[in-house]
Amino acid sequence: MQGVVSDDKGLTLPGVSVKVKGTMNGTQSDMDGKYTLNLKEGGSSVIIFSFVGSKSQEFDLANYSPSAAGVYKINVQMGADKNALEEVAVVAYGTQKKTSLVSSITTVNPKQLKGPSSNLTTMLAGVVPGMISYQRSGEPGADNAQFFIRGVGTFGAGKVDPLILIDGIEMGTTDLARLQPDDISGFSVLKDATASSLYGARGQTV
């Protein structure tokens, strides 16, 4: 079974979970939204597609016909689940419901990051409570804003760059600055030691 997963705007979605219902057999879509799932004979024919911030979808292969090569080809469009986006926060390498959080984490709706500037770091000012963000220069290529959390008295504030993770990979301020809000499904700021403990001392530099 194979196909392409996209959002309701037609943009491909990486990291979408594709799983055979009731089993551990599953895979994820790649950076281009493509997926390939090996099916076992005699197993469940219901396939579940799930992604954070999107409504899960189920497909019963009994309603589809395979190609001449015996391969099911199904392209899936994931619709946004606004309620899920409001209730879920990114916690280190996973997600957690806001109602069960004991640490200080601020989630930001990507729509709040849209503005007249093409630099995402400059749009953080005034959006995240407790964050100070300021831009020293408007020179092209050197217009990234500097930011830190919980005031200038915070240990290490302003002395080192914050830990920035994009799709679980550590990136720099420039990588964050060039992101487009429309490409972001969730944006979270871990603001205390409990929230960022998984990253050790590196997580405390913000």
C-alpha atoms as a PDB file:
ATOM      1  CA  MET A   1       0.000   0.000   0.000  1.00  0.00           C
ATOM      2  CA  GLN A   2       1.355   3.427  -0.881  1.00  0.00           C
ATOM      3  CA  GLY A   3       0.342   7.007  -1.521  1.00  0.00           C
ATOM      4  CA  VAL A   4       0.819  10.653  -0.563  1.00  0.00           C
ATOM      5  CA  VAL A   5      -0.536  12.492   2.496  1.00  0.00           C
ATOM      6  CA  SER A   6      -1.342  16.208   2.316  1.00  0.00           C
ATOM      7  CA  ASP A   7      -3.204  18.820   4.353  1.00  0.00           C
ATOM      8  CA  ASP A   8      -6.421  20.597   3.437  1.00  0.00           C
ATOM      9  CA  LYS A   9      -4.388  23.145   1.445  1.00  0.00           C
ATOM     10  CA  GLY A  10      -2.713  20.498  -0.678  1.00  0.00           C
ATOM     11  CA  LEU A  11       0.689  20.738   1.032  1.00  0.00           C
ATOM     12  CA  THR A  12       2.394  17.400   1.693  1.00  0.00           C
ATOM     13  CA  LEU A  13       2.677  16.305   5.328  1.00  0.00           C
ATOM     14  CA  PRO A  14       5.769  14.513   6.724  1.00  0.00           C
ATOM     15  CA  GLY A  15       5.575  12.390   9.875  1.00  0.00           C
ATOM     16  CA  VAL A  16       1.952  11.252   9.474  1.00  0.00           C
ATOM     17  CA  SER A  17       1.342   7.939  11.238  1.00  0.00           C
ATOM     18  CA  VAL A  18      -0.029   5.186   8.975  1.00  0.00           C
ATOM     19  CA  LYS A  19      -1.074   2.091  10.905  1.00  0.00           C
ATOM     20  CA  VAL A  20      -3.072  -1.093  10.434  1.00  0.00           C
ATOM     21  CA  LYS A  21      -5.912  -0.950  12.978  1.00  0.00           C
ATOM     22  CA  GLY A  22      -5.480  -3.277  15.947  1.00  0.00           C
ATOM     23  CA  THR A  23      -1.858  -4.126  15.146  1.00  0.00           C
ATOM     24  CA  MET A  24       1.658  -2.736  15.598  1.00  0.00           C
ATOM     25  CA  ASN A  25       2.212  -2.731  11.846  1.00  0.00           C
ATOM     26  CA  GLY A  26       2.710   0.846  10.758  1.00  0.00           C
ATOM     27  CA  THR A  27       4.912   3.466   9.153  1.00  0.00           C
ATOM     28  CA  GLN A  28       5.203   7.242   8.689  1.00  0.00           C
ATOM     29  CA  SER A  29       5.109   9.532   5.684  1.00  0.00           C
ATOM     30  CA  ASP A  30       8.492  10.898   4.584  1.00  0.00           C
ATOM     31  CA  MET A  31       9.552  14.510   3.970  1.00  0.00           C
ATOM     32  CA  ASP A  32       7.598  14.520   0.704  1.00  0.00           C
ATOM     33  CA  GLY A  33       4.446  13.134   2.330  1.00  0.00           C
ATOM     34  CA  LYS A  34       4.921   9.736   0.672  1.00  0.00           C
ATOM     35  CA  TYR A  35       4.335   6.502   2.559  1.00  0.00           C
ATOM     36  CA  THR A  36       4.689   2.781   1.899  1.00  0.00           C
ATOM     37  CA  LEU A  37       2.999   0.231   4.163  1.00  0.00           C
ATOM     38  CA  ASN A  38       3.570  -3.508   3.898  1.00  0.00           C
ATOM     39  CA  LEU A  39       0.326  -5.413   4.444  1.00  0.00           C
ATOM     40  CA  LYS A  40       0.107  -8.918   5.832  1.00  0.00           C
ATOM     41  CA  GLU A  41      -2.256 -11.481   4.357  1.00  0.00           C
ATOM     42  CA  GLY A  42      -5.262 -12.286   6.502  1.00  0.00           C
ATOM     43  CA  GLY A  43      -4.761  -9.239   8.714  1.00  0.00           C
ATOM     44  CA  SER A  44      -6.988  -6.256   9.367  1.00  0.00           C
ATOM     45  CA  SER A  45      -7.949  -4.291   6.259  1.00  0.00           C
ATOM     46  CA  VAL A  46      -8.614  -0.994   8.105  1.00  0.00           C
ATOM     47  CA  ILE A  47      -5.839   1.606   7.845  1.00  0.00           C
ATOM     48  CA  ILE A  48      -5.657   4.571  10.247  1.00  0.00           C
ATOM     49  CA  PHE A  49      -3.964   7.874   9.369  1.00  0.00           C
ATOM     50  CA  SER A  50      -3.220  10.182  12.308  1.00  0.00           C
ATOM     51  CA  PHE A  51      -1.268  13.395  12.806  1.00  0.00           C
ATOM     52  CA  VAL A  52      -1.044  15.959  15.627  1.00  0.00           C
ATOM     53  CA  GLY A  53      -3.528  18.751  14.987  1.00  0.00           C
ATOM     54  CA  SER A  54      -5.415  16.801  12.320  1.00  0.00           C
ATOM     55  CA  LYS A  55      -8.490  14.612  12.391  1.00  0.00           C
ATOM     56  CA  SER A  56      -7.665  10.899  12.227  1.00  0.00           C
ATOM     57  CA  GLN A  57      -8.996   9.066   9.207  1.00  0.00           C
ATOM     58  CA  GLU A  58      -9.780   5.393   8.638  1.00  0.00           C
ATOM     59  CA  PHE A  59      -9.841   3.586   5.309  1.00  0.00           C
ATOM     60  CA  ASP A  60     -11.241   0.091   4.813  1.00  0.00           C
ATOM     61  CA  LEU A  61      -9.325  -1.560   1.979  1.00  0.00           C
ATOM     62  CA  ALA A  62     -12.363  -3.730   1.300  1.00  0.00           C
ATOM     63  CA  ASN A  63     -13.828  -0.664  -0.416  1.00  0.00           C
ATOM     64  CA  TYR A  64     -10.810  -0.216  -2.716  1.00  0.00           C
ATOM     65  CA  SER A  65      -9.307  -2.201  -5.566  1.00  0.00           C
ATOM     66  CA  PRO A  66      -5.558  -2.813  -5.859  1.00  0.00           C
ATOM     67  CA  SER A  67      -3.575  -2.076  -9.008  1.00  0.00           C
ATOM     68  CA  ALA A  68      -2.544  -4.742 -11.495  1.00  0.00           C
ATOM     69  CA  ALA A  69       0.579  -5.259  -9.388  1.00  0.00           C
ATOM     70  CA  GLY A  70      -1.567  -5.898  -6.313  1.00  0.00           C
ATOM     71  CA  VAL A  71      -0.701  -2.567  -4.648  1.00  0.00           C
ATOM     72  CA  TYR A  72      -3.291  -0.322  -3.032  1.00  0.00           C
ATOM     73  CA  LYS A  73      -2.698   3.326  -3.903  1.00  0.00           C
ATOM     74  CA  ILE A  74      -4.512   5.765  -1.617  1.00  0.00           C
ATOM     75  CA  ASN A  75      -3.781   9.482  -1.382  1.00  0.00           C
ATOM     76  CA  VAL A  76      -5.055  11.054   1.848  1.00  0.00           C
ATOM     77  CA  GLN A  77      -5.940  14.639   2.702  1.00  0.00           C
ATOM     78  CA  MET A  78      -5.829  15.420   6.435  1.00  0.00           C
ATOM     79  CA  GLY A  79      -8.238  18.041   7.749  1.00  0.00           C
ATOM     80  CA  ALA A  80      -7.238  20.284  10.671  1.00  0.00           C
ATOM     81  CA  ASP A  81      -8.670  19.496  14.100  1.00  0.00           C
ATOM     82  CA  LYS A  82      -8.892  22.886  15.820  1.00  0.00           C
ATOM     83  CA  ASN A  83      -9.871  21.365  19.166  1.00  0.00           C
ATOM     84  CA  ALA A  84      -6.817  19.094  19.158  1.00  0.00           C
ATOM     85  CA  LEU A  85      -4.487  22.007  18.442  1.00  0.00           C
ATOM     86  CA  GLU A  86      -5.833  23.892  21.439  1.00  0.00           C
ATOM     87  CA  GLU A  87      -5.530  20.952  23.826  1.00  0.00           C
ATOM     88  CA  VAL A  88      -2.111  19.526  22.862  1.00  0.00           C
ATOM     89  CA  ALA A  89       1.319  20.904  23.776  1.00  0.00           C
ATOM     90  CA  VAL A  90       4.691  19.722  22.494  1.00  0.00           C
ATOM     91  CA  VAL A  91       6.689  18.222  25.378  1.00  0.00           C
ATOM     92  CA  ALA A  92      10.301  17.416  24.442  1.00  0.00           C
ATOM     93  CA  TYR A  93      10.071  14.401  22.103  1.00  0.00           C
ATOM     94  CA  GLY A  94       6.299  13.933  22.372  1.00  0.00           C
ATOM     95  CA  THR A  95       2.985  15.649  23.065  1.00  0.00           C
ATOM     96  CA  GLN A  96       0.807  15.938  26.141  1.00  0.00           C
ATOM     97  CA  LYS A  97      -2.652  17.252  26.916  1.00  0.00           C
ATOM     98  CA  LYS A  98      -2.631  20.662  28.544  1.00  0.00           C
ATOM     99  CA  THR A  99      -4.866  19.463  31.361  1.00  0.00           C
ATOM    100  CA  SER A 100      -2.154  17.051  32.546  1.00  0.00           C
ATOM    101  CA  LEU A 101       0.783  19.477  32.377  1.00  0.00           C
ATOM    102  CA  VAL A 102       2.640  20.313  35.595  1.00  0.00           C
ATOM    103  CA  SER A 103       5.382  22.353  33.916  1.00  0.00           C
ATOM    104  CA  SER A 104       5.365  25.820  32.387  1.00  0.00           C
ATOM    105  CA  ILE A 105       4.790  25.516  28.659  1.00  0.00           C
ATOM    106  CA  THR A 106       3.326  28.140  26.363  1.00  0.00           C
ATOM    107  CA  THR A 107       1.713  27.062  23.104  1.00  0.00           C
ATOM    108  CA  VAL A 108       1.297  29.552  20.282  1.00  0.00           C
ATOM    109  CA  ASN A 109      -1.184  29.331  17.440  1.00  0.00           C
ATOM    110  CA  PRO A 110       0.866  29.653  14.214  1.00  0.00           C
ATOM    111  CA  LYS A 111      -1.703  32.153  12.945  1.00  0.00           C
ATOM    112  CA  GLN A 112      -0.463  34.568  15.644  1.00  0.00           C
ATOM    113  CA  LEU A 113       2.989  34.535  14.033  1.00  0.00           C
ATOM    114  CA  LYS A 114       1.761  36.028  10.774  1.00  0.00           C
ATOM    115  CA  GLY A 115       2.615  39.664  10.175  1.00  0.00           C
ATOM    116  CA  PRO A 116       4.308  42.219   7.920  1.00  0.00           C
ATOM    117  CA  SER A 117       7.756  40.748   8.576  1.00  0.00           C
ATOM    118  CA  SER A 118       9.163  37.740   6.725  1.00  0.00           C
ATOM    119  CA  ASN A 119      11.421  37.007   9.711  1.00  0.00           C
ATOM    120  CA  LEU A 120       9.666  34.689  12.163  1.00  0.00           C
ATOM    121  CA  THR A 121      11.893  35.631  15.119  1.00  0.00           C
ATOM    122  CA  THR A 122      10.687  39.245  14.996  1.00  0.00           C
ATOM    123  CA  MET A 123       7.079  38.071  15.275  1.00  0.00           C
ATOM    124  CA  LEU A 124       7.671  36.434  18.672  1.00  0.00           C
ATOM    125  CA  ALA A 125       7.662  39.775  20.502  1.00  0.00           C
ATOM    126  CA  GLY A 126       4.415  40.268  22.374  1.00  0.00           C
ATOM    127  CA  VAL A 127       3.130  36.789  21.525  1.00  0.00           C
ATOM    128  CA  VAL A 128       4.788  34.623  24.188  1.00  0.00           C
ATOM    129  CA  PRO A 129       4.230  35.754  27.816  1.00  0.00           C
ATOM    130  CA  GLY A 130       7.524  36.280  29.638  1.00  0.00           C
ATOM    131  CA  MET A 131       9.608  36.416  26.453  1.00  0.00           C
ATOM    132  CA  ILE A 132      11.718  39.448  25.609  1.00  0.00           C
ATOM    133  CA  SER A 133      12.502  39.785  21.914  1.00  0.00           C
ATOM    134  CA  TYR A 134      14.378  42.633  20.279  1.00  0.00           C
ATOM    135  CA  GLN A 135      15.916  43.292  16.868  1.00  0.00           C
ATOM    136  CA  ARG A 136      19.306  45.011  16.771  1.00  0.00           C
ATOM    137  CA  SER A 137      19.533  45.478  13.004  1.00  0.00           C
ATOM    138  CA  GLY A 138      17.374  45.522   9.912  1.00  0.00           C
ATOM    139  CA  GLU A 139      20.269  44.652   7.630  1.00  0.00           C
ATOM    140  CA  PRO A 140      19.379  41.777   5.264  1.00  0.00           C
ATOM    141  CA  GLY A 141      20.954  38.582   6.545  1.00  0.00           C
ATOM    142  CA  ALA A 142      21.532  40.091   9.994  1.00  0.00           C
ATOM    143  CA  ASP A 143      17.964  40.949  10.967  1.00  0.00           C
ATOM    144  CA  ASN A 144      17.257  38.052  13.331  1.00  0.00           C
ATOM    145  CA  ALA A 145      15.770  39.085  16.660  1.00  0.00           C
ATOM    146  CA  GLN A 146      17.441  38.057  19.904  1.00  0.00           C
ATOM    147  CA  PHE A 147      15.136  36.642  22.544  1.00  0.00           C
ATOM    148  CA  PHE A 148      15.209  35.125  26.004  1.00  0.00           C
ATOM    149  CA  ILE A 149      12.634  34.054  28.554  1.00  0.00           C
ATOM    150  CA  ARG A 150      11.679  35.148  32.075  1.00  0.00           C
ATOM    151  CA  GLY A 151      13.591  38.397  32.208  1.00  0.00           C
ATOM    152  CA  VAL A 152      17.167  39.651  31.984  1.00  0.00           C
ATOM    153  CA  GLY A 153      17.962  38.235  35.428  1.00  0.00           C
ATOM    154  CA  THR A 154      17.547  34.664  34.183  1.00  0.00           C
ATOM    155  CA  PHE A 155      20.714  32.573  34.407  1.00  0.00           C
ATOM    156  CA  GLY A 156      22.493  32.764  31.060  1.00  0.00           C
ATOM    157  CA  ALA A 157      19.968  35.223  29.609  1.00  0.00           C
ATOM    158  CA  GLY A 158      21.239  36.864  26.462  1.00  0.00           C
ATOM    159  CA  LYS A 159      24.621  35.126  26.656  1.00  0.00           C
ATOM    160  CA  VAL A 160      23.844  32.092  24.514  1.00  0.00           C
ATOM    161  CA  ASP A 161      21.283  31.232  21.890  1.00  0.00           C
ATOM    162  CA  PRO A 162      18.173  29.366  23.052  1.00  0.00           C
ATOM    163  CA  LEU A 163      17.746  25.708  22.205  1.00  0.00           C
ATOM    164  CA  ILE A 164      15.621  25.603  19.032  1.00  0.00           C
ATOM    165  CA  LEU A 165      14.176  22.309  17.838  1.00  0.00           C
ATOM    166  CA  ILE A 166      12.447  22.013  14.466  1.00  0.00           C
ATOM    167  CA  ASP A 167      10.872  18.606  13.836  1.00  0.00           C
ATOM    168  CA  GLY A 168      12.977  17.279  16.730  1.00  0.00           C
ATOM    169  CA  ILE A 169      16.287  18.453  15.220  1.00  0.00           C
ATOM    170  CA  GLU A 170      18.385  21.221  16.786  1.00  0.00           C
ATOM    171  CA  MET A 171      18.536  24.259  14.521  1.00  0.00           C
ATOM    172  CA  GLY A 172      19.863  27.810  14.709  1.00  0.00           C
ATOM    173  CA  THR A 173      18.116  31.152  14.934  1.00  0.00           C
ATOM    174  CA  THR A 174      18.447  31.639  11.179  1.00  0.00           C
ATOM    175  CA  ASP A 175      16.629  28.364  10.469  1.00  0.00           C
ATOM    176  CA  LEU A 176      13.767  29.497  12.716  1.00  0.00           C
ATOM    177  CA  ALA A 177      13.710  32.949  11.121  1.00  0.00           C
ATOM    178  CA  ARG A 178      13.186  31.556   7.640  1.00  0.00           C
ATOM    179  CA  LEU A 179      10.222  29.340   8.554  1.00  0.00           C
ATOM    180  CA  GLN A 180       6.810  30.299   7.212  1.00  0.00           C
ATOM    181  CA  PRO A 181       3.888  30.288   9.711  1.00  0.00           C
ATOM    182  CA  ASP A 182       1.806  28.277   7.220  1.00  0.00           C
ATOM    183  CA  ASP A 183       4.372  25.460   7.464  1.00  0.00           C
ATOM    184  CA  ILE A 184       4.077  25.197  11.262  1.00  0.00           C
ATOM    185  CA  SER A 185       1.523  22.823  12.805  1.00  0.00           C
ATOM    186  CA  GLY A 186       2.448  23.548  16.439  1.00  0.00           C
ATOM    187  CA  PHE A 187       4.728  25.977  18.278  1.00  0.00           C
ATOM    188  CA  SER A 188       5.622  25.509  21.957  1.00  0.00           C
ATOM    189  CA  VAL A 189       8.009  27.262  24.348  1.00  0.00           C
ATOM    190  CA  LEU A 190       9.365  25.238  27.302  1.00  0.00           C
ATOM    191  CA  LYS A 191       9.812  27.803  30.056  1.00  0.00           C
ATOM    192  CA  ASP A 192      11.066  26.006  33.150  1.00  0.00           C
ATOM    193  CA  ALA A 193      13.410  23.239  34.302  1.00  0.00           C
ATOM    194  CA  THR A 194      10.637  20.654  34.500  1.00  0.00           C
ATOM    195  CA  ALA A 195       9.608  21.197  30.890  1.00  0.00           C
ATOM    196  CA  SER A 196      13.136  21.156  29.464  1.00  0.00           C
ATOM    197  CA  SER A 197      14.765  18.644  31.839  1.00  0.00           C
ATOM    198  CA  LEU A 198      15.174  16.073  29.062  1.00  0.00           C
ATOM    199  CA  TYR A 199      17.707  18.350  27.386  1.00  0.00           C
ATOM    200  CA  GLY A 200      19.829  18.786  30.530  1.00  0.00           C
ATOM    201  CA  ALA A 201      21.952  21.916  30.889  1.00  0.00           C
ATOM    202  CA  ARG A 202      21.417  22.780  27.224  1.00  0.00           C
ATOM    203  CA  GLY A 203      17.733  23.185  27.866  1.00  0.00           C
ATOM    204  CA  GLN A 204      18.338  25.765  30.586  1.00  0.00           C
ATOM    205  CA  THR A 205      20.090  28.306  28.395  1.00  0.00           C
ATOM    206  CA  VAL A 206      16.937  30.115  27.284  1.00  0.00           C
END
